[in-house]
Protein backbone atom coordinates (compact mmCIF):
# COMPACT_ATOMS: atom_id res chain seq x y z
CA MET A 1 0.00 0.00 0.00
CA SER A 2 2.74 2.46 0.91
CA TYR A 3 4.63 1.89 -2.30
CA GLY A 4 1.74 1.45 -4.71
CA ASP A 5 1.41 -1.53 -7.03
CA ASN A 6 3.61 -3.38 -9.45
CA ASN A 7 1.91 -2.24 -12.65
CA SER A 8 4.06 -4.29 -15.00
CA ALA A 9 3.37 -7.82 -13.77
CA ILE A 10 2.98 -10.32 -16.61
CA SER A 11 -0.02 -12.63 -16.90
CA ASN A 12 -0.84 -15.21 -19.53
CA PHE A 13 -4.40 -15.68 -18.31
CA GLY A 14 -5.83 -15.03 -21.76
CA PRO A 15 -3.47 -13.29 -24.17
CA GLN A 16 -0.25 -12.16 -22.51
CA HIS A 17 -0.73 -8.78 -20.86
CA THR A 18 0.36 -6.76 -17.86
CA ILE A 19 -1.68 -6.49 -14.70
CA SER A 20 -1.45 -4.49 -11.51
CA VAL A 21 -0.55 -6.60 -8.47
CA PRO A 22 0.31 -5.81 -4.85
CA ILE A 23 4.00 -5.01 -4.52
CA VAL A 24 4.43 -6.81 -1.18
CA ARG A 25 6.52 -9.98 -1.32
CA PHE A 26 6.22 -13.15 0.76
CA ARG A 27 9.35 -12.81 2.91
CA GLU A 28 8.56 -9.20 3.79
CA PHE A 29 4.96 -10.10 4.60
CA LEU A 30 5.97 -13.10 6.70
CA ALA A 31 8.42 -11.15 8.83
CA ASP A 32 5.92 -8.35 9.45
CA THR A 33 3.03 -10.68 10.30
CA GLN A 34 5.23 -12.65 12.68
CA GLN A 35 6.11 -9.41 14.44
CA ILE A 36 2.45 -8.40 14.70
CA GLY A 37 1.41 -11.81 16.04
CA ARG A 38 4.23 -12.23 18.56
CA GLY A 39 2.77 -13.20 21.93
CA VAL A 40 -0.83 -12.85 20.77
CA VAL A 41 -3.07 -15.69 21.91
CA ILE A 42 -6.63 -14.97 20.84
CA GLY A 43 -9.09 -15.59 23.64
CA GLN A 44 -6.49 -15.04 26.34
CA PRO A 45 -6.60 -11.97 28.58
CA GLY A 46 -4.57 -9.11 27.15
CA ALA A 47 -4.54 -10.43 23.59
CA ASP A 48 -6.09 -7.27 22.15
CA GLN A 49 -3.60 -5.03 23.94
CA THR A 50 -0.65 -7.19 22.90
CA LEU A 51 -1.84 -7.06 19.30
CA GLU A 52 -2.25 -3.28 19.44
CA THR A 53 1.19 -2.85 20.99
CA ASN A 54 2.71 -5.07 18.30
CA LYS A 55 1.00 -3.04 15.57
CA GLN A 56 2.32 0.20 17.02
CA THR A 57 5.83 -1.24 17.29
CA LEU A 58 5.77 -2.50 13.71
CA ILE A 59 4.45 0.75 12.27
CA ALA A 60 7.08 2.78 14.16
CA GLU A 61 9.79 0.51 12.77
CA PHE A 62 8.23 0.43 9.29
CA VAL A 63 8.27 4.21 8.83
CA GLN A 64 11.99 4.20 9.63
CA ARG A 65 12.92 1.61 7.01
CA GLN A 66 15.15 2.95 4.29
CA ARG A 67 12.69 1.98 1.59
CA PHE A 68 9.97 4.01 3.32
CA THR A 69 12.12 7.04 4.09
CA THR A 70 13.34 7.08 0.50
CA ALA A 71 9.77 7.01 -0.81
CA PHE A 72 8.54 9.46 1.84
CA PRO A 73 11.42 11.74 2.84
CA THR A 74 11.09 13.99 5.86
CA THR A 75 11.33 16.99 3.53
CA LEU A 76 7.68 16.44 2.57
CA THR A 77 5.04 18.54 4.24
CA ALA A 78 2.29 16.74 6.10
CA ALA A 79 -0.12 17.32 3.20
CA GLN A 80 2.38 15.95 0.67
CA PHE A 81 3.13 12.93 2.86
CA VAL A 82 -0.54 12.04 3.33
CA ASP A 83 -1.52 12.78 -0.27
CA ASN A 84 1.28 10.52 -1.52
CA LEU A 85 0.18 7.72 0.80
CA PHE A 86 -3.40 7.93 -0.45
CA LEU A 87 -2.20 8.20 -4.05
CA ASN A 88 -0.07 5.06 -3.73
CA ALA A 89 -3.00 3.30 -2.08
CA GLY A 90 -5.22 4.24 -5.01
CA VAL A 91 -7.75 5.87 -2.71
CA VAL A 92 -9.39 9.26 -3.05
CA PRO A 93 -9.92 10.10 0.61
CA THR A 94 -12.81 11.99 2.05
CA ALA A 95 -11.87 15.43 3.35
CA THR A 96 -12.37 14.09 6.87
CA ASP A 97 -10.02 11.13 6.34
CA ARG A 98 -7.38 13.29 4.68
CA ASP A 99 -7.56 15.96 7.39
CA ALA A 100 -7.37 13.37 10.18
CA ALA A 101 -4.17 11.92 8.72
CA ILE A 102 -2.65 15.37 8.12
CA ASN A 103 -3.58 16.52 11.62
CA GLU A 104 -1.41 13.77 13.09
CA PHE A 105 1.41 16.21 12.25
CA GLY A 106 -0.45 19.33 13.34
CA GLY A 107 -1.47 20.76 9.97
CA PRO A 108 -0.90 20.61 6.21
CA MET A 109 2.39 22.53 6.17
CA SER A 110 3.83 20.81 9.24
CA PRO A 111 7.11 18.94 8.89
CA THR A 112 7.03 15.15 8.77
CA THR A 113 10.03 14.38 10.94
CA ASP A 114 7.99 13.05 13.88
CA ILE A 115 8.23 9.25 13.67
CA GLY A 116 5.11 8.75 15.78
CA ALA A 117 3.06 11.07 13.57
CA ARG A 118 4.37 9.37 10.43
CA GLY A 119 3.28 6.03 11.82
CA ARG A 120 -0.14 7.25 12.91
CA ALA A 121 -0.78 8.88 9.53
CA LEU A 122 0.32 5.73 7.69
CA ARG A 123 -1.94 3.64 9.86
CA ARG A 124 -4.91 5.93 9.19
CA VAL A 125 -4.40 5.37 5.48
CA ALA A 126 -3.73 1.63 5.80
CA GLU A 127 -6.87 1.13 7.89
CA ASN A 128 -9.06 3.32 5.67
CA SER A 129 -12.40 1.61 5.02
CA THR A 130 -12.38 2.49 1.32
CA LEU A 131 -8.93 0.94 0.93
CA ASN A 132 -10.09 -2.15 2.79
CA GLN A 133 -13.10 -2.62 0.49
CA GLN A 134 -11.06 -1.89 -2.60
CA GLU A 135 -8.19 -4.24 -1.78
CA PHE A 136 -9.91 -7.09 0.04
CA ASN A 137 -10.16 -9.54 -2.87
CA ARG A 138 -6.63 -8.83 -4.12
CA ALA A 139 -5.23 -9.24 -0.61
CA PHE A 140 -7.25 -12.41 -0.05
CA VAL A 141 -5.89 -14.05 -3.20
CA LEU A 142 -2.35 -13.00 -2.32
CA ALA A 143 -2.82 -14.45 1.17
CA GLN A 144 -3.70 -17.84 -0.33
CA PHE A 145 -0.36 -17.97 -2.11
CA PHE A 146 1.47 -16.76 1.00
CA GLY A 147 -0.39 -18.97 3.45
CA TYR A 148 -0.92 -22.24 1.63
CA LEU A 149 1.89 -22.28 -0.91
CA ARG A 150 4.40 -20.21 1.10
CA ARG A 151 5.53 -18.28 -1.94
CA ASN A 152 4.92 -15.31 -4.20
CA PRO A 153 2.34 -15.84 -6.94
CA ASN A 154 5.00 -15.60 -9.65
CA ASP A 155 7.55 -17.90 -7.99
CA THR A 156 8.26 -21.41 -9.27
CA PRO A 157 6.38 -23.45 -10.39
CA ASP A 158 4.65 -20.37 -11.83
CA SER A 159 6.62 -17.89 -13.89
CA ASP A 160 4.12 -15.04 -13.99
CA TYR A 161 0.88 -13.86 -12.39
CA SER A 162 -1.53 -16.01 -14.44
CA GLY A 163 -2.58 -18.08 -11.42
CA TYR A 164 -3.05 -14.98 -9.30
CA GLU A 165 -5.17 -13.36 -11.99
CA PHE A 166 -7.21 -16.55 -12.49
CA TRP A 167 -8.12 -16.69 -8.79
CA LEU A 168 -8.76 -12.97 -8.54
CA THR A 169 -11.08 -13.12 -11.55
CA LYS A 170 -12.92 -16.09 -10.09
CA LEU A 171 -13.24 -14.48 -6.65
CA ASN A 172 -14.56 -11.29 -8.24
CA GLN A 173 -17.08 -13.34 -10.26
CA PHE A 174 -18.40 -14.69 -6.95
CA ASN A 175 -18.48 -11.20 -5.38
CA GLY A 176 -15.74 -12.11 -2.93
CA ASN A 177 -17.42 -15.31 -1.72
CA PHE A 178 -14.38 -17.58 -1.51
CA VAL A 179 -16.49 -20.58 -0.44
CA ASN A 180 -18.63 -20.48 -3.58
CA ALA A 181 -15.53 -19.80 -5.67
CA GLU A 182 -14.05 -22.97 -4.11
CA MET A 183 -10.85 -21.06 -3.70
CA VAL A 184 -9.54 -22.26 -0.35
CA LYS A 185 -10.60 -25.81 -1.18
CA SER A 186 -8.61 -25.68 -4.40
CA PHE A 187 -5.47 -24.50 -2.65
CA LEU A 188 -5.86 -27.19 0.02
CA VAL A 189 -6.13 -30.03 -2.49
CA SER A 190 -3.43 -28.72 -4.83
CA GLY A 191 -0.45 -30.98 -5.36
CA GLU A 192 1.88 -28.13 -4.47
CA TYR A 193 0.24 -27.67 -1.07
CA ILE A 194 0.09 -31.40 -0.31
CA GLN A 195 3.77 -31.86 -1.23
CA ARG A 196 4.74 -29.37 1.46
CA PHE A 197 3.98 -32.12 3.98
CA GLY A 198 5.76 -35.05 2.41
CA PRO A 199 6.20 -37.14 -0.73
């Protein structure tokens, strides 16, 4: 979300063409989700607070990563920082959502050197309801590759994003109903998934 999409991914689902896919990669995703889930036991007292603390820790670390600071230098004003985040997310924010993210810094012309404010603004964009609705199916398909196959959609045995596009198209045809699309079932019975557990 922070860095936009990979708009030059190749798919051969139909005639060869390029598609837009999430830029996040499996190893990066795995490390971040492990950090978020560390010590969280759902149903146990304090799980919600542990999860929230982990999210805050990750976001504070994330906004200090070189990749992030290169994409969003501290020379940006608060308005520029927030507008670029929403632009990369592909979301046109409401005035209220935009102002709330900008106000984490104090105002539109405020500097963006405050790590805490950078994290809070990023989180406001990442947790935006429009972004969630817009990205849910794409993220769900990506999560199947990450979770069941433990790889990126274009890693071997695939060589492009045809499989990703196939499942995204099917999920969209079923209006996001993964049960009716038989998506999870198909990943669970795939030879690639089964071979993860033995010959």
